[in-house]
């Protein structure tokens, strides 16, 4: 759909070009913008160009790493700022004697927040090598290279020392794991008795659901999704020694975080703030989250939170 010329004229800036906010809004809503040519500026005397020194970027400081932190906050590649993470993990009751794993750690923001706030040792594992490298570099930068490292890993071959971890945390990651039963068994194995498992993830509205919107979403994700419904997780965790204490739909709150993140970004990014080299990254990221929101708005995809405890060996729940 093409926006009418009156609206186009009213929303253009003084130079005849649309701002980043207007372009992202048009992209999100699915209509085109028509630009009017700018009036040629009168010739002016050339001015001296100020010289600005910028330190060379590190290898891990890619356009995507830079962009996602502008949208979601420093140290994050997905929705959820410091307050959100602290609200989520308060259920753990963390103290310095505890150890935590962060599965799907992204840039390690959540791991560093837990380490800084509670003094715990947090090991992050991330599938994306570029994000893992950047996350590790950020942990080193902030003096947490040993207490909050971020490593690359393969979920298909994931193993960790048995019975060594107090808490396992994961945010929007499990939907990418193909063999979930095997992976969940590995997670249960590494947890101490009475250890805790907290995760938030994209889930199907009902088992074995298929739809054109879901197909569009799954076919265009960076990692091929293998989503489960909430009932699938409840069944699989029940077969392990994991007792579910919380299972709730948090779709509405998650969607609000996504919309706010992009709104804040467009408010802060002025015209010309995205260079030619970064424009494709911006388009890809906008498309990624547009498809996710469309799947959520269709009602086929939800975002749910699960908190579970590992049962003591040989003890029934009635003996707790």
Foldseek 3Di string as FASTA:
>chain_A
DEDDPVVLVVQADLQQHHKPLVVLVCVLVPYDHDTDHGDDDDDDDDDDDDDDDDDDDDPLPDLLLVVCCLLQNPQDNAHDDLVRLCVQCVVLVAALVFEEEEEQCFLQRSLVSCCVPHVHQYEYEHQDPSRLVNSLVVCVVVVNNGRRHYYYDDLVPDADDFQAHQEYEYEADLQLDDPNLVSVVRVLRRHHAQGKYKYKHKAFLDAPDDDPLVVVLQVLDPGRTNHHHLVVVVVSLVVAQKAWDDKFFPQVVSVVSNVVSVVSSSVPQTHPNADPVSVVVVVSVSVNVSSVVVCVVVVGMTMMMIMITGHDPPDDPVVD
